[in-house]
Amino acid sequence: QVQLVESGGGLVQPGGSLRLSCAASTSIFGFIVMGWYRQAPGKLRELVATVTPGSSTMYADSVKGRFTISRDNSKSTVYLQMNALKPDDTAVYYCNAYDMRVKVRYDYWGPGTQVTVSS
C-alpha cells in the first residue's frame, strides 16, 4: 500500500520556477518507481518524468532541460524542480508510484496539485 501527498503547486509567472514535493507513506519506498504526470484542461494525463529507486531518470521531451526529478529515499519523498516555466506547463500535477517488483503493475496516485503559469 502506498499513499501519496503532493505539495508546492501555485501561481507563477512565465520564466519562473516551482518545486513540487510528493511524500510517500509506505514501507517499500526502496522498491518504488516514482513519477510525475500532469493533466491540462481538456487534455489527457501525460507523463512528465520518472525516477527509479536507483535514481535513473526519464523525461518527456517537452520538459527536458527545464525540469529535474529527484528522490530522497531517507525521507520517502520525490521532488520535481521546474524551471523556465511556460504557460503550456499549466496543469494539475499528479505524483505516481508503482512497485517495480510485481509482474502486474498497479499505479498509486496522489490527489494532485495545481500549477498555473500566467502573467
N, C-alpha and C. Protein backbone atom coordinates (compact mmCIF):
# COMPACT_ATOMS: atom_id res chain seq x y z
N GLN A 1 0.85 -1.20 0.00
CA GLN A 1 0.00 0.00 0.00
C GLN A 1 0.88 1.25 0.00
N VAL A 2 0.52 2.21 -0.83
CA VAL A 2 1.29 3.45 -0.94
C VAL A 2 0.32 4.61 -0.93
N GLN A 3 0.55 5.56 -0.04
CA GLN A 3 -0.23 6.80 -0.03
C GLN A 3 0.68 7.96 -0.40
N LEU A 4 0.18 8.84 -1.27
CA LEU A 4 0.98 9.93 -1.81
C LEU A 4 0.30 11.26 -1.55
N VAL A 5 1.10 12.25 -1.17
CA VAL A 5 0.57 13.60 -0.96
C VAL A 5 1.52 14.60 -1.60
N GLU A 6 0.98 15.38 -2.56
CA GLU A 6 1.78 16.38 -3.24
C GLU A 6 1.69 17.73 -2.52
N SER A 7 2.70 18.56 -2.76
CA SER A 7 2.68 19.94 -2.26
C SER A 7 3.58 20.77 -3.16
N GLY A 8 3.42 22.10 -3.08
CA GLY A 8 4.31 23.01 -3.78
C GLY A 8 3.75 23.66 -5.02
N GLY A 9 2.53 23.35 -5.39
CA GLY A 9 1.94 23.99 -6.55
C GLY A 9 1.60 25.44 -6.28
N GLY A 10 1.19 26.15 -7.34
CA GLY A 10 0.80 27.54 -7.17
C GLY A 10 0.81 28.29 -8.47
N LEU A 11 0.77 29.61 -8.35
CA LEU A 11 0.76 30.50 -9.49
C LEU A 11 2.16 31.09 -9.66
N VAL A 12 2.67 31.05 -10.88
CA VAL A 12 4.00 31.58 -11.16
C VAL A 12 3.99 32.25 -12.52
N GLN A 13 4.81 33.25 -12.68
CA GLN A 13 4.91 33.94 -13.96
C GLN A 13 5.75 33.14 -14.95
N PRO A 14 5.51 33.34 -16.23
CA PRO A 14 6.35 32.66 -17.24
C PRO A 14 7.83 32.95 -17.00
N GLY A 15 8.64 31.91 -17.13
CA GLY A 15 10.06 32.03 -16.85
C GLY A 15 10.43 31.74 -15.42
N GLY A 16 9.44 31.62 -14.55
CA GLY A 16 9.69 31.38 -13.14
C GLY A 16 9.92 29.92 -12.82
N SER A 17 10.05 29.65 -11.52
CA SER A 17 10.35 28.30 -11.05
C SER A 17 9.41 27.90 -9.93
N LEU A 18 9.20 26.59 -9.83
CA LEU A 18 8.46 25.99 -8.72
C LEU A 18 9.10 24.65 -8.40
N ARG A 19 8.96 24.25 -7.15
CA ARG A 19 9.43 22.93 -6.75
C ARG A 19 8.27 22.17 -6.12
N LEU A 20 7.93 21.05 -6.75
CA LEU A 20 6.88 20.18 -6.21
C LEU A 20 7.51 19.08 -5.36
N SER A 21 6.79 18.70 -4.33
CA SER A 21 7.21 17.59 -3.48
C SER A 21 6.09 16.57 -3.39
N CYS A 22 6.47 15.33 -3.22
CA CYS A 22 5.50 14.25 -3.03
C CYS A 22 6.02 13.34 -1.94
N ALA A 23 5.31 13.31 -0.84
CA ALA A 23 5.69 12.44 0.28
C ALA A 23 4.92 11.13 0.17
N ALA A 24 5.64 10.03 0.27
CA ALA A 24 5.03 8.71 0.17
C ALA A 24 5.00 8.04 1.54
N SER A 25 3.83 7.54 1.89
CA SER A 25 3.70 6.76 3.12
C SER A 25 3.69 5.29 2.73
N THR A 26 4.82 4.64 2.92
CA THR A 26 4.96 3.25 2.52
C THR A 26 6.22 2.69 3.16
N SER A 27 6.21 1.38 3.35
CA SER A 27 7.39 0.71 3.90
C SER A 27 8.29 0.15 2.80
N ILE A 28 7.86 0.33 1.53
CA ILE A 28 8.60 -0.27 0.42
C ILE A 28 9.12 0.78 -0.55
N PHE A 29 9.42 1.98 -0.02
CA PHE A 29 9.84 3.07 -0.91
C PHE A 29 11.05 2.68 -1.74
N GLY A 30 11.91 1.87 -1.20
CA GLY A 30 13.11 1.45 -1.90
C GLY A 30 12.86 0.59 -3.12
N PHE A 31 11.63 0.15 -3.31
CA PHE A 31 11.27 -0.67 -4.47
C PHE A 31 10.29 0.06 -5.39
N ILE A 32 10.03 1.32 -5.09
CA ILE A 32 9.01 2.08 -5.79
C ILE A 32 9.62 2.98 -6.87
N VAL A 33 9.08 2.87 -8.09
CA VAL A 33 9.39 3.84 -9.13
C VAL A 33 8.44 5.02 -8.94
N MET A 34 9.00 6.21 -8.82
CA MET A 34 8.20 7.41 -8.60
C MET A 34 8.13 8.24 -9.88
N GLY A 35 7.03 8.93 -10.06
CA GLY A 35 6.91 9.76 -11.25
C GLY A 35 5.96 10.92 -11.05
N TRP A 36 6.03 11.83 -11.99
CA TRP A 36 5.11 12.96 -12.05
C TRP A 36 4.39 12.92 -13.40
N TYR A 37 3.08 13.10 -13.35
CA TYR A 37 2.24 13.25 -14.52
C TYR A 37 1.53 14.58 -14.40
N ARG A 38 0.97 15.03 -15.52
CA ARG A 38 0.17 16.25 -15.48
C ARG A 38 -1.01 16.15 -16.43
N GLN A 39 -2.04 16.91 -16.09
CA GLN A 39 -3.24 16.93 -16.93
C GLN A 39 -3.75 18.36 -17.02
N ALA A 40 -3.75 18.86 -18.24
CA ALA A 40 -4.29 20.20 -18.52
C ALA A 40 -5.77 20.07 -18.86
N PRO A 41 -6.53 21.14 -18.71
CA PRO A 41 -7.96 21.09 -19.03
C PRO A 41 -8.20 20.63 -20.46
N GLY A 42 -9.07 19.65 -20.62
CA GLY A 42 -9.42 19.16 -21.94
C GLY A 42 -8.39 18.25 -22.57
N LYS A 43 -7.35 17.90 -21.84
CA LYS A 43 -6.30 17.05 -22.39
C LYS A 43 -6.14 15.79 -21.55
N LEU A 44 -5.50 14.79 -22.15
CA LEU A 44 -5.23 13.56 -21.45
C LEU A 44 -4.08 13.75 -20.46
N ARG A 45 -4.05 12.91 -19.44
CA ARG A 45 -2.94 12.94 -18.49
C ARG A 45 -1.69 12.46 -19.21
N GLU A 46 -0.58 13.16 -19.00
CA GLU A 46 0.65 12.81 -19.68
C GLU A 46 1.81 12.67 -18.68
N LEU A 47 2.74 11.80 -19.05
CA LEU A 47 3.93 11.58 -18.23
C LEU A 47 4.86 12.79 -18.33
N VAL A 48 5.37 13.21 -17.18
CA VAL A 48 6.34 14.30 -17.15
C VAL A 48 7.75 13.75 -16.91
N ALA A 49 7.91 12.96 -15.85
CA ALA A 49 9.22 12.43 -15.50
C ALA A 49 9.08 11.27 -14.54
N THR A 50 10.07 10.38 -14.55
CA THR A 50 10.12 9.27 -13.60
C THR A 50 11.52 9.12 -13.03
N VAL A 51 11.59 8.51 -11.84
CA VAL A 51 12.88 8.22 -11.23
C VAL A 51 12.78 6.86 -10.54
N THR A 52 13.75 6.01 -10.80
CA THR A 52 13.77 4.67 -10.22
C THR A 52 14.39 4.70 -8.81
N PRO A 53 14.29 3.61 -8.07
CA PRO A 53 14.94 3.57 -6.75
C PRO A 53 16.44 3.85 -6.82
N GLY A 54 17.07 3.52 -7.93
CA GLY A 54 18.49 3.80 -8.12
C GLY A 54 18.77 5.16 -8.70
N SER A 55 17.73 5.99 -8.81
CA SER A 55 17.81 7.37 -9.29
C SER A 55 18.08 7.51 -10.78
N SER A 56 17.75 6.50 -11.57
CA SER A 56 17.74 6.68 -13.02
C SER A 56 16.50 7.48 -13.38
N THR A 57 16.66 8.43 -14.28
CA THR A 57 15.56 9.33 -14.61
C THR A 57 15.17 9.26 -16.08
N MET A 58 13.93 9.68 -16.34
CA MET A 58 13.41 9.77 -17.68
C MET A 58 12.50 10.99 -17.74
N TYR A 59 12.52 11.72 -18.87
CA TYR A 59 11.74 12.93 -19.01
C TYR A 59 10.98 12.95 -20.32
N ALA A 60 9.83 13.60 -20.29
CA ALA A 60 9.13 13.90 -21.52
C ALA A 60 9.94 14.93 -22.30
N ASP A 61 9.87 14.86 -23.62
CA ASP A 61 10.65 15.80 -24.44
C ASP A 61 10.30 17.25 -24.14
N SER A 62 9.05 17.49 -23.79
CA SER A 62 8.59 18.86 -23.59
C SER A 62 9.20 19.53 -22.35
N VAL A 63 9.78 18.73 -21.45
CA VAL A 63 10.32 19.31 -20.21
C VAL A 63 11.82 19.10 -20.07
N LYS A 64 12.42 18.37 -21.00
CA LYS A 64 13.86 18.11 -20.90
C LYS A 64 14.64 19.42 -20.87
N GLY A 65 15.60 19.48 -19.95
CA GLY A 65 16.42 20.67 -19.82
C GLY A 65 15.82 21.74 -18.94
N ARG A 66 14.54 21.60 -18.59
CA ARG A 66 13.87 22.59 -17.74
C ARG A 66 13.46 22.00 -16.39
N PHE A 67 13.05 20.74 -16.39
CA PHE A 67 12.58 20.08 -15.16
C PHE A 67 13.60 19.06 -14.70
N THR A 68 13.68 18.89 -13.38
CA THR A 68 14.56 17.88 -12.80
C THR A 68 13.81 17.11 -11.73
N ILE A 69 13.76 15.79 -11.88
CA ILE A 69 13.15 14.93 -10.88
C ILE A 69 14.24 14.33 -10.01
N SER A 70 13.95 14.21 -8.73
CA SER A 70 14.92 13.62 -7.81
C SER A 70 14.15 12.96 -6.66
N ARG A 71 14.84 12.13 -5.90
CA ARG A 71 14.20 11.47 -4.77
C ARG A 71 15.16 11.41 -3.60
N ASP A 72 14.57 11.46 -2.41
CA ASP A 72 15.32 11.30 -1.17
C ASP A 72 14.77 10.05 -0.50
N ASN A 73 15.48 8.95 -0.62
CA ASN A 73 14.98 7.68 -0.08
C ASN A 73 14.89 7.71 1.44
N SER A 74 15.70 8.53 2.09
CA SER A 74 15.65 8.61 3.55
C SER A 74 14.38 9.30 4.04
N LYS A 75 13.77 10.11 3.16
CA LYS A 75 12.54 10.84 3.51
C LYS A 75 11.33 10.31 2.76
N SER A 76 11.53 9.29 1.94
CA SER A 76 10.43 8.73 1.12
C SER A 76 9.72 9.84 0.35
N THR A 77 10.50 10.69 -0.27
CA THR A 77 9.96 11.87 -0.95
C THR A 77 10.58 12.00 -2.34
N VAL A 78 9.77 12.43 -3.27
CA VAL A 78 10.25 12.73 -4.61
C VAL A 78 9.96 14.20 -4.90
N TYR A 79 10.84 14.81 -5.68
CA TYR A 79 10.75 16.23 -5.98
C TYR A 79 10.70 16.44 -7.49
N LEU A 80 10.10 17.55 -7.89
CA LEU A 80 10.14 17.98 -9.28
C LEU A 80 10.49 19.47 -9.28
N GLN A 81 11.73 19.76 -9.66
CA GLN A 81 12.16 21.15 -9.79
C GLN A 81 11.82 21.61 -11.21
N MET A 82 11.01 22.64 -11.30
CA MET A 82 10.54 23.14 -12.59
C MET A 82 11.07 24.54 -12.81
N ASN A 83 11.89 24.71 -13.83
CA ASN A 83 12.46 26.00 -14.17
C ASN A 83 11.98 26.45 -15.55
N ALA A 84 12.17 27.71 -15.84
CA ALA A 84 11.79 28.26 -17.15
C ALA A 84 10.37 27.86 -17.51
N LEU A 85 9.46 28.04 -16.58
CA LEU A 85 8.08 27.59 -16.79
C LEU A 85 7.40 28.38 -17.89
N LYS A 86 6.54 27.68 -18.62
CA LYS A 86 5.79 28.25 -19.73
C LYS A 86 4.29 28.12 -19.45
N PRO A 87 3.48 28.95 -20.08
CA PRO A 87 2.02 28.80 -19.91
C PRO A 87 1.54 27.39 -20.25
N ASP A 88 2.19 26.73 -21.21
CA ASP A 88 1.80 25.35 -21.57
C ASP A 88 2.06 24.35 -20.45
N ASP A 89 2.82 24.74 -19.44
CA ASP A 89 3.05 23.84 -18.30
C ASP A 89 1.89 23.89 -17.30
N THR A 90 0.94 24.76 -17.52
CA THR A 90 -0.21 24.86 -16.62
C THR A 90 -1.01 23.57 -16.65
N ALA A 91 -1.20 22.99 -15.47
CA ALA A 91 -1.89 21.70 -15.36
C ALA A 91 -2.00 21.32 -13.89
N VAL A 92 -2.79 20.29 -13.65
CA VAL A 92 -2.75 19.63 -12.35
C VAL A 92 -1.64 18.57 -12.43
N TYR A 93 -0.73 18.62 -11.49
CA TYR A 93 0.39 17.69 -11.46
C TYR A 93 0.11 16.60 -10.42
N TYR A 94 0.27 15.36 -10.88
CA TYR A 94 -0.02 14.20 -10.04
C TYR A 94 1.25 13.41 -9.77
N CYS A 95 1.43 13.03 -8.52
CA CYS A 95 2.50 12.12 -8.16
C CYS A 95 2.04 10.68 -8.42
N ASN A 96 2.94 9.87 -8.91
CA ASN A 96 2.61 8.48 -9.26
C ASN A 96 3.67 7.55 -8.67
N ALA A 97 3.23 6.35 -8.33
CA ALA A 97 4.17 5.36 -7.81
C ALA A 97 3.73 3.97 -8.22
N TYR A 98 4.70 3.09 -8.45
CA TYR A 98 4.38 1.68 -8.64
C TYR A 98 5.55 0.84 -8.17
N ASP A 99 5.22 -0.37 -7.73
CA ASP A 99 6.21 -1.30 -7.22
C ASP A 99 6.88 -1.99 -8.41
N MET A 100 8.17 -1.83 -8.54
CA MET A 100 8.89 -2.36 -9.70
C MET A 100 9.04 -3.88 -9.62
N ARG A 101 8.72 -4.49 -8.49
CA ARG A 101 8.94 -5.92 -8.34
C ARG A 101 7.80 -6.76 -8.88
N VAL A 102 6.62 -6.20 -8.97
CA VAL A 102 5.45 -7.01 -9.31
C VAL A 102 5.33 -7.18 -10.82
N LYS A 103 4.72 -8.30 -11.22
CA LYS A 103 4.55 -8.58 -12.64
C LYS A 103 3.44 -7.75 -13.26
N VAL A 104 2.39 -7.53 -12.50
CA VAL A 104 1.26 -6.73 -12.99
C VAL A 104 1.32 -5.38 -12.29
N ARG A 105 1.58 -4.36 -13.05
CA ARG A 105 1.76 -3.04 -12.48
C ARG A 105 0.45 -2.51 -11.91
N TYR A 106 0.54 -1.95 -10.72
CA TYR A 106 -0.58 -1.24 -10.11
C TYR A 106 -0.09 0.16 -9.78
N ASP A 107 -0.82 1.17 -10.26
CA ASP A 107 -0.42 2.56 -10.05
C ASP A 107 -1.11 3.17 -8.84
N TYR A 108 -0.32 3.87 -8.06
CA TYR A 108 -0.83 4.67 -6.96
C TYR A 108 -0.74 6.14 -7.37
N TRP A 109 -1.73 6.93 -6.96
CA TRP A 109 -1.79 8.33 -7.35
C TRP A 109 -2.03 9.22 -6.15
N GLY A 110 -1.43 10.41 -6.20
CA GLY A 110 -1.77 11.43 -5.24
C GLY A 110 -2.98 12.21 -5.73
N PRO A 111 -3.52 13.10 -4.89
CA PRO A 111 -4.71 13.87 -5.27
C PRO A 111 -4.42 14.97 -6.29
N GLY A 112 -3.16 15.34 -6.46
CA GLY A 112 -2.81 16.36 -7.44
C GLY A 112 -2.59 17.73 -6.82
N THR A 113 -1.79 18.53 -7.52
CA THR A 113 -1.56 19.92 -7.10
C THR A 113 -1.56 20.80 -8.34
N GLN A 114 -2.24 21.93 -8.25
CA GLN A 114 -2.40 22.81 -9.41
C GLN A 114 -1.16 23.68 -9.60
N VAL A 115 -0.70 23.72 -10.85
CA VAL A 115 0.37 24.63 -11.25
C VAL A 115 -0.18 25.53 -12.35
N THR A 116 -0.13 26.82 -12.14
CA THR A 116 -0.62 27.79 -13.11
C THR A 116 0.51 28.74 -13.47
N VAL A 117 0.80 28.80 -14.76
CA VAL A 117 1.86 29.69 -15.26
C VAL A 117 1.18 30.80 -16.06
N SER A 118 1.20 31.98 -15.51
CA SER A 118 0.48 33.08 -16.14
C SER A 118 1.04 34.41 -15.66
N SER A 119 0.99 35.40 -16.55
CA SER A 119 1.40 36.74 -16.16
C SER A 119 0.20 37.56 -15.69
